[in-house]
C-alpha atoms as a PDB file:
ATOM      1  CA  MET A   1     -20.559   3.089  -1.238  1.00  0.00           C
ATOM      2  CA  LYS A   2     -17.417   1.353  -2.570  1.00  0.00           C
ATOM      3  CA  GLN A   3     -18.106   2.594  -6.105  1.00  0.00           C
ATOM      4  CA  LYS A   4     -18.498   6.168  -4.894  1.00  0.00           C
ATOM      5  CA  LYS A   5     -15.240   5.862  -2.911  1.00  0.00           C
ATOM      6  CA  SER A   6     -13.443   4.597  -6.028  1.00  0.00           C
ATOM      7  CA  PHE A   7     -14.620   7.648  -7.940  1.00  0.00           C
ATOM      8  CA  MET A   8     -13.331   9.862  -5.119  1.00  0.00           C
ATOM      9  CA  TYR A   9      -9.965   8.178  -5.366  1.00  0.00           C
ATOM     10  CA  ILE A  10      -9.876   8.764  -9.108  1.00  0.00           C
ATOM     11  CA  ALA A  11     -10.734  12.439  -8.625  1.00  0.00           C
ATOM     12  CA  SER A  12      -8.056  12.748  -5.894  1.00  0.00           C
ATOM     13  CA  PHE A  13      -5.517  11.035  -8.142  1.00  0.00           C
ATOM     14  CA  LEU A  14      -6.232  13.510 -10.933  1.00  0.00           C
ATOM     15  CA  ALA A  15      -5.943  16.466  -8.535  1.00  0.00           C
ATOM     16  CA  LEU A  16      -2.590  15.362  -7.179  1.00  0.00           C
ATOM     17  CA  THR A  17      -0.965  14.383 -10.500  1.00  0.00           C
ATOM     18  CA  ILE A  18      -2.142  16.632 -13.313  1.00  0.00           C
ATOM     19  CA  ALA A  19      -1.571  20.176 -12.047  1.00  0.00           C
ATOM     20  CA  PRO A  20       1.842  19.836 -10.335  1.00  0.00           C
ATOM     21  CA  THR A  21       5.110  19.779 -12.259  1.00  0.00           C
ATOM     22  CA  GLY A  22       6.204  16.234 -12.852  1.00  0.00           C
ATOM     23  CA  ARG A  23       9.181  16.193 -10.478  1.00  0.00           C
ATOM     24  CA  PHE A  24       9.573  13.521  -7.829  1.00  0.00           C
ATOM     25  CA  VAL A  25      10.340  16.013  -5.076  1.00  0.00           C
ATOM     26  CA  PHE A  26       6.989  17.722  -5.566  1.00  0.00           C
ATOM     27  CA  GLY A  27       5.189  14.399  -5.394  1.00  0.00           C
ATOM     28  CA  ALA A  28       7.057  13.576  -2.187  1.00  0.00           C
ATOM     29  CA  VAL A  29       5.987  16.900  -0.620  1.00  0.00           C
ATOM     30  CA  LEU A  30       2.344  16.267  -1.489  1.00  0.00           C
ATOM     31  CA  ILE A  31       2.443  12.693  -0.184  1.00  0.00           C
ATOM     32  CA  ILE A  32       4.004  13.684   3.135  1.00  0.00           C
ATOM     33  CA  GLU A  33       1.216  16.205   3.537  1.00  0.00           C
ATOM     34  CA  LEU A  34      -1.395  13.625   2.522  1.00  0.00           C
ATOM     35  CA  LEU A  35      -0.191  11.065   5.092  1.00  0.00           C
ATOM     36  CA  LEU A  36       0.044  13.729   7.806  1.00  0.00           C
ATOM     37  CA  LEU A  37      -3.536  14.894   7.137  1.00  0.00           C
ATOM     38  CA  GLU A  38      -4.804  11.328   6.985  1.00  0.00           C
ATOM     39  CA  VAL A  39      -3.473  10.387  10.450  1.00  0.00           C
ATOM     40  CA  LEU A  40      -4.454  13.677  12.049  1.00  0.00           C
ATOM     41  CA  GLY A  41      -7.874  13.567  10.351  1.00  0.00           C
ATOM     42  CA  ILE A  42      -8.674  10.157  11.786  1.00  0.00           C
ATOM     43  CA  LEU A  43      -7.573  11.238  15.253  1.00  0.00           C
ATOM     44  CA  LEU A  44      -9.678  14.422  14.983  1.00  0.00           C
ATOM     45  CA  ASN A  45     -12.746  12.442  13.892  1.00  0.00           C
ATOM     46  CA  SER A  46     -12.305  10.235  16.918  1.00  0.00           C
ATOM     47  CA  LEU A  47     -12.082  13.319  19.137  1.00  0.00           C
ATOM     48  CA  VAL A  48     -15.220  14.821  17.603  1.00  0.00           C
ATOM     49  CA  SER A  49     -17.096  11.594  18.319  1.00  0.00           C
ATOM     50  CA  LYS A  50     -16.007  11.565  21.925  1.00  0.00           C
ATOM     51  CA  LEU A  51     -17.012  15.183  22.362  1.00  0.00           C
ATOM     52  CA  LYS A  52     -20.446  14.550  20.803  1.00  0.00           C
ATOM     53  CA  LEU A  53     -19.966  17.218  18.130  1.00  0.00           C
ATOM     54  CA  GLU A  54     -21.492  15.249  15.263  1.00  0.00           C
ATOM     55  CA  GLN A  55     -23.495  18.191  13.886  1.00  0.00           C
ATOM     56  CA  ILE A  56     -20.435  20.323  13.242  1.00  0.00           C
ATOM     57  CA  ARG A  57     -18.109  17.433  12.253  1.00  0.00           C
ATOM     58  CA  THR A  58     -17.701  18.506   8.624  1.00  0.00           C
ATOM     59  CA  TYR A  59     -16.907  22.141   9.392  1.00  0.00           C
ATOM     60  CA  PHE A  60     -14.656  21.228  12.297  1.00  0.00           C
ATOM     61  CA  VAL A  61     -12.623  18.675  10.305  1.00  0.00           C
ATOM     62  CA  MET A  62     -12.255  20.964   7.275  1.00  0.00           C
ATOM     63  CA  PHE A  63     -11.154  23.877   9.392  1.00  0.00           C
ATOM     64  CA  PHE A  64      -8.590  21.689  11.107  1.00  0.00           C
ATOM     65  CA  MET A  65      -7.241  20.341   7.824  1.00  0.00           C
ATOM     66  CA  ILE A  66      -6.904  23.816   6.319  1.00  0.00           C
ATOM     67  CA  ALA A  67      -5.082  24.990   9.488  1.00  0.00           C
ATOM     68  CA  ILE A  68      -2.659  22.033   9.264  1.00  0.00           C
ATOM     69  CA  THR A  69      -2.108  22.787   5.570  1.00  0.00           C
ATOM     70  CA  LEU A  70      -1.307  26.433   6.344  1.00  0.00           C
ATOM     71  CA  LEU A  71       1.187  25.340   8.984  1.00  0.00           C
ATOM     72  CA  TYR A  72       2.742  22.799   6.589  1.00  0.00           C
ATOM     73  CA  ARG A  73       3.044  25.468   3.886  1.00  0.00           C
ATOM     74  CA  GLN A  74       4.744  27.859   6.290  1.00  0.00           C
ATOM     75  CA  ILE A  75       7.258  25.179   7.231  1.00  0.00           C
ATOM     76  CA  LEU A  76       7.986  24.704   3.527  1.00  0.00           C
ATOM     77  CA  VAL A  77       8.402  28.432   3.083  1.00  0.00           C
ATOM     78  CA  LEU A  78      11.034  28.478   5.798  1.00  0.00           C
ATOM     79  CA  THR A  79      12.842  25.331   4.667  1.00  0.00           C
ATOM     80  CA  TYR A  80      12.261  24.922   0.937  1.00  0.00           C
ATOM     81  CA  THR A  81      10.895  28.223  -0.338  1.00  0.00           C
ATOM     82  CA  GLU A  82      11.312  27.256  -3.971  1.00  0.00           C
ATOM     83  CA  ILE A  83       9.053  24.199  -3.533  1.00  0.00           C
ATOM     84  CA  ALA A  84       6.447  26.264  -1.675  1.00  0.00           C
ATOM     85  CA  LEU A  85       6.399  28.884  -4.428  1.00  0.00           C
ATOM     86  CA  ILE A  86       6.209  26.360  -7.276  1.00  0.00           C
ATOM     87  CA  LEU A  87       3.431  24.282  -5.746  1.00  0.00           C
ATOM     88  CA  GLY A  88       1.462  27.316  -4.578  1.00  0.00           C
ATOM     89  CA  PHE A  89      -2.262  26.642  -4.253  1.00  0.00           C
ATOM     90  CA  ILE A  90      -1.677  22.958  -5.129  1.00  0.00           C
ATOM     91  CA  LEU A  91      -0.717  22.410  -1.474  1.00  0.00           C
ATOM     92  CA  TYR A  92      -4.426  22.806  -0.701  1.00  0.00           C
ATOM     93  CA  PHE A  93      -5.377  19.761  -2.829  1.00  0.00           C
ATOM     94  CA  PRO A  94      -4.351  17.051  -0.283  1.00  0.00           C
ATOM     95  CA  PRO A  95      -6.835  18.164   2.438  1.00  0.00           C
ATOM     96  CA  VAL A  96      -9.643  18.078  -0.127  1.00  0.00           C
ATOM     97  CA  CYS A  97      -8.499  14.612  -1.226  1.00  0.00           C
ATOM     98  CA  VAL A  98      -8.355  13.278   2.324  1.00  0.00           C
ATOM     99  CA  PHE A  99     -11.801  14.730   3.045  1.00  0.00           C
ATOM    100  CA  LEU A 100     -13.316  13.180  -0.089  1.00  0.00           C
ATOM    101  CA  THR A 101     -11.751   9.744   0.162  1.00  0.00           C
ATOM    102  CA  HIS A 102     -11.883   9.112   3.913  1.00  0.00           C
ATOM    103  CA  THR A 103     -13.767  11.655   6.022  1.00  0.00           C
ATOM    104  CA  LEU A 104     -16.975  11.334   4.029  1.00  0.00           C
ATOM    105  CA  PHE A 105     -16.847   7.528   4.057  1.00  0.00           C
ATOM    106  CA  THR A 106     -15.435   6.852   7.508  1.00  0.00           C
ATOM    107  CA  ASN A 107     -17.370   4.623   9.877  1.00  0.00           C
ATOM    108  CA  ASN A 108     -16.792   6.516  13.106  1.00  0.00           C
ATOM    109  CA  GLU A 109     -18.279   3.687  15.145  1.00  0.00           C
ATOM    110  CA  GLU A 110     -15.277   1.464  14.465  1.00  0.00           C
ATOM    111  CA  PRO A 111     -12.458   1.370  16.995  1.00  0.00           C
ATOM    112  CA  LEU A 112      -9.744   3.971  16.499  1.00  0.00           C
ATOM    113  CA  GLU A 113      -7.083   1.304  15.949  1.00  0.00           C
ATOM    114  CA  ILE A 114      -8.987  -0.258  13.062  1.00  0.00           C
ATOM    115  CA  ARG A 115      -9.644   3.103  11.445  1.00  0.00           C
ATOM    116  CA  LEU A 116      -5.964   4.046  11.724  1.00  0.00           C
ATOM    117  CA  LYS A 117      -4.844   0.722  10.278  1.00  0.00           C
ATOM    118  CA  ASP A 118      -7.285   0.792   7.351  1.00  0.00           C
ATOM    119  CA  GLY A 119      -6.796   4.492   6.625  1.00  0.00           C
ATOM    120  CA  ILE A 120      -3.039   4.415   6.709  1.00  0.00           C
ATOM    121  CA  SER A 121      -2.701   1.206   4.710  1.00  0.00           C
ATOM    122  CA  THR A 122      -5.064   2.457   1.971  1.00  0.00           C
ATOM    123  CA  THR A 123      -3.357   5.863   1.848  1.00  0.00           C
ATOM    124  CA  LEU A 124       0.073   4.195   1.656  1.00  0.00           C
ATOM    125  CA  VAL A 125      -0.955   2.166  -1.411  1.00  0.00           C
ATOM    126  CA  PHE A 126      -2.432   5.290  -2.969  1.00  0.00           C
ATOM    127  CA  SER A 127       0.751   7.226  -2.146  1.00  0.00           C
ATOM    128  CA  VAL A 128       3.059   4.609  -3.631  1.00  0.00           C
ATOM    129  CA  VAL A 129       1.161   4.723  -6.932  1.00  0.00           C
ATOM    130  CA  ILE A 130       1.435   8.517  -7.038  1.00  0.00           C
ATOM    131  CA  LEU A 131       5.157   8.441  -6.184  1.00  0.00           C
ATOM    132  CA  ILE A 132       5.787   5.952  -8.985  1.00  0.00           C
ATOM    133  CA  PHE A 133       3.866   8.283 -11.290  1.00  0.00           C
ATOM    134  CA  TYR A 134       6.077  11.226 -10.343  1.00  0.00           C
ATOM    135  CA  LEU A 135       9.266   9.169 -10.496  1.00  0.00           C
ATOM    136  CA  PHE A 136       8.415   8.038 -14.022  1.00  0.00           C
ATOM    137  CA  ARG A 137       7.661  11.598 -15.191  1.00  0.00           C
ATOM    138  CA  ASP A 138      10.819  12.884 -13.539  1.00  0.00           C
ATOM    139  CA  VAL A 139      13.125  10.219 -15.046  1.00  0.00           C
ATOM    140  CA  ALA A 140      11.501   9.649 -18.404  1.00  0.00           C
ATOM    141  CA  GLY A 141      10.257  13.180 -19.029  1.00  0.00           C
ATOM    142  CA  TYR A 142      13.244  15.189 -17.798  1.00  0.00           C
ATOM    143  CA  GLY A 143      16.038  12.648 -17.523  1.00  0.00           C
ATOM    144  CA  THR A 144      16.599  13.629 -13.907  1.00  0.00           C
ATOM    145  CA  PHE A 145      15.834  12.614 -10.308  1.00  0.00           C
ATOM    146  CA  THR A 146      14.922  15.358  -7.849  1.00  0.00           C
ATOM    147  CA  PHE A 147      14.710  15.264  -4.056  1.00  0.00           C
ATOM    148  CA  PHE A 148      15.300  17.392  -1.006  1.00  0.00           C
ATOM    149  CA  GLY A 149      18.797  18.832  -1.101  1.00  0.00           C
ATOM    150  CA  LYS A 150      21.154  20.679   1.228  1.00  0.00           C
ATOM    151  CA  ASN A 151      20.946  24.400   2.083  1.00  0.00           C
ATOM    152  CA  HIS A 152      17.190  24.430   1.472  1.00  0.00           C
ATOM    153  CA  ARG A 153      17.568  23.726  -2.241  1.00  0.00           C
ATOM    154  CA  ILE A 154      16.146  21.094  -4.544  1.00  0.00           C
ATOM    155  CA  TYR A 155      18.642  18.315  -5.286  1.00  0.00           C
ATOM    156  CA  GLU A 156      18.717  17.377  -8.984  1.00  0.00           C
ATOM    157  CA  LYS A 157      20.613  14.375 -10.305  1.00  0.00           C
ATOM    158  CA  ILE A 158      20.986  14.336 -14.093  1.00  0.00           C
ATOM    159  CA  LEU A 159      20.616  10.672 -15.104  1.00  0.00           C
ATOM    160  CA  PHE A 160      21.071  11.161 -18.841  1.00  0.00           C
ATOM    161  CA  ASN A 161      21.261  13.924 -21.406  1.00  0.00           C
ATOM    162  CA  PRO A 162      17.848  15.682 -21.671  1.00  0.00           C
ATOM    163  CA  ASP A 163      18.395  15.862 -25.425  1.00  0.00           C
ATOM    164  CA  ASN A 164      18.281  12.076 -25.547  1.00  0.00           C
ATOM    165  CA  VAL A 165      14.929  11.775 -23.760  1.00  0.00           C
ATOM    166  CA  GLY A 166      13.157  11.923 -27.103  1.00  0.00           C
ATOM    167  CA  ILE A 167       9.466  11.058 -27.261  1.00  0.00           C
ATOM    168  CA  PHE A 168       9.349  10.535 -23.448  1.00  0.00           C
ATOM    169  CA  THR A 169       9.413  14.326 -22.961  1.00  0.00           C
ATOM    170  CA  PHE A 170       5.722  14.102 -23.788  1.00  0.00           C
ATOM    171  CA  PHE A 171       5.122  12.680 -20.297  1.00  0.00           C
ATOM    172  CA  ALA A 172       6.615  15.830 -18.778  1.00  0.00           C
ATOM    173  CA  THR A 173       3.720  17.834 -20.249  1.00  0.00           C
ATOM    174  CA  ILE A 174       0.157  18.142 -18.949  1.00  0.00           C
ATOM    175  CA  PRO A 175      -1.273  16.178 -21.917  1.00  0.00           C
ATOM    176  CA  GLY A 176       1.310  13.492 -21.226  1.00  0.00           C
ATOM    177  CA  ALA A 177       0.290  13.423 -17.563  1.00  0.00           C
ATOM    178  CA  LEU A 178      -3.355  13.043 -18.622  1.00  0.00           C
ATOM    179  CA  VAL A 179      -2.479  10.107 -20.903  1.00  0.00           C
ATOM    180  CA  LEU A 180      -0.433   8.421 -18.205  1.00  0.00           C
ATOM    181  CA  THR A 181      -3.177   9.005 -15.639  1.00  0.00           C
ATOM    182  CA  GLY A 182      -5.744   7.571 -18.001  1.00  0.00           C
ATOM    183  CA  ILE A 183      -3.657   4.408 -18.364  1.00  0.00           C
ATOM    184  CA  ILE A 184      -3.298   4.061 -14.559  1.00  0.00           C
ATOM    185  CA  ILE A 185      -7.041   4.605 -13.986  1.00  0.00           C
ATOM    186  CA  TYR A 186      -7.908   2.037 -16.701  1.00  0.00           C
ATOM    187  CA  LEU A 187      -5.609  -0.513 -15.090  1.00  0.00           C
ATOM    188  CA  PHE A 188      -7.165   0.213 -11.710  1.00  0.00           C
ATOM    189  CA  LEU A 189     -10.704  -0.246 -12.982  1.00  0.00           C
ATOM    190  CA  PHE A 190      -9.693  -3.369 -14.936  1.00  0.00           C
ATOM    191  CA  VAL A 191      -8.132  -5.008 -11.842  1.00  0.00           C
ATOM    192  CA  ARG A 192     -11.069  -3.951  -9.622  1.00  0.00           C
ATOM    193  CA  ASN A 193     -13.579  -5.468 -12.054  1.00  0.00           C
ATOM    194  CA  LYS A 194     -11.549  -8.689 -12.260  1.00  0.00           C
ATOM    195  CA  PHE A 195     -11.524  -9.004  -8.485  1.00  0.00           C
ATOM    196  CA  ARG A 196     -15.286  -8.288  -8.436  1.00  0.00           C
ATOM    197  CA  ILE A 197     -15.951 -11.030 -10.998  1.00  0.00           C
ATOM    198  CA  ILE A 198     -13.778 -13.519  -9.066  1.00  0.00           C
ATOM    199  CA  SER A 199     -15.484 -12.602  -5.821  1.00  0.00           C
ATOM    200  CA  SER A 200     -18.959 -12.981  -7.341  1.00  0.00           C
ATOM    201  CA  ARG A 201     -18.015 -16.372  -8.796  1.00  0.00           C
ATOM    202  CA  GLY A 202     -16.783 -17.436  -5.377  1.00  0.00           C
ATOM    203  CA  ASP A 203     -20.064 -16.373  -3.764  1.00  0.00           C
ATOM    204  CA  ILE A 204     -22.066 -18.280  -6.419  1.00  0.00           C
ATOM    205  CA  ALA A 205     -19.939 -21.389  -5.914  1.00  0.00           C
ATOM    206  CA  ALA A 206     -20.389 -21.155  -2.155  1.00  0.00           C
ATOM    207  CA  LYS A 207     -24.168 -20.906  -2.588  1.00  0.00           C
ATOM    208  CA  ASP A 208     -24.164 -23.924  -4.938  1.00  0.00           C
ATOM    209  CA  ILE A 209     -22.209 -25.978  -2.442  1.00  0.00           C
ATOM    210  CA  ALA A 210     -24.547 -25.000   0.335  1.00  0.00           C
ATOM    211  CA  ALA A 211     -27.563 -25.819  -1.848  1.00  0.00           C
ATOM    212  CA  ASN A 212     -26.131 -29.238  -2.792  1.00  0.00           C
ATOM    213  CA  LYS A 213     -25.469 -30.027   0.877  1.00  0.00           C
ATOM    214  CA  GLY A 214     -29.080 -29.084   1.684  1.00  0.00           C
ATOM    215  CA  GLU A 215     -30.452 -31.325  -1.087  1.00  0.00           C
ATOM    216  CA  SER A 216     -28.251 -34.252   0.017  1.00  0.00           C
ATOM    217  CA  LYS A 217     -29.717 -34.023   3.488  1.00  0.00           C
END
């Protein structure tokens, strides 16, 4: 189950990082949507369980997430039209990501408080990694920092001359994003395997200690 969930996170990471333009403000928009859908999705799953609608859970949750995404997109259209136009259909990636990483693997028998705590904490870690990814592409690839500006416009701060970015402009392209994503996924798998090895060694040591105690008795 954990391995399948890890693959879902990798697929979600690819969906949220490869297609969009590598500007920090776009990453922030997607992460806000992701967190909103995560919290509302957990609450909706809890409501479905209380109403005994288990048979239509999948359809109900997906319909709700799409509806929230449409509302979120309309708010963007009214406030930051440029962002809504540039992101386009990419705004529909977060509901799919939330559904794959959490809804399919959620234990609905756990208390709501525990599900909220685990879901939000995991999504926050995932979100921070994605925001760092976008920040690096924005700064290194374009030499700028972008965020929400006044008068419904994108704020852009030029940090250094774009002509001096040099080889780092590669990370502003889709191939560069793929390379950067590959590095992040490799590090994730490397760290996960290291923790797994340490955990297995700890279990073996605990069994040996228990066996030695049994023999001594």
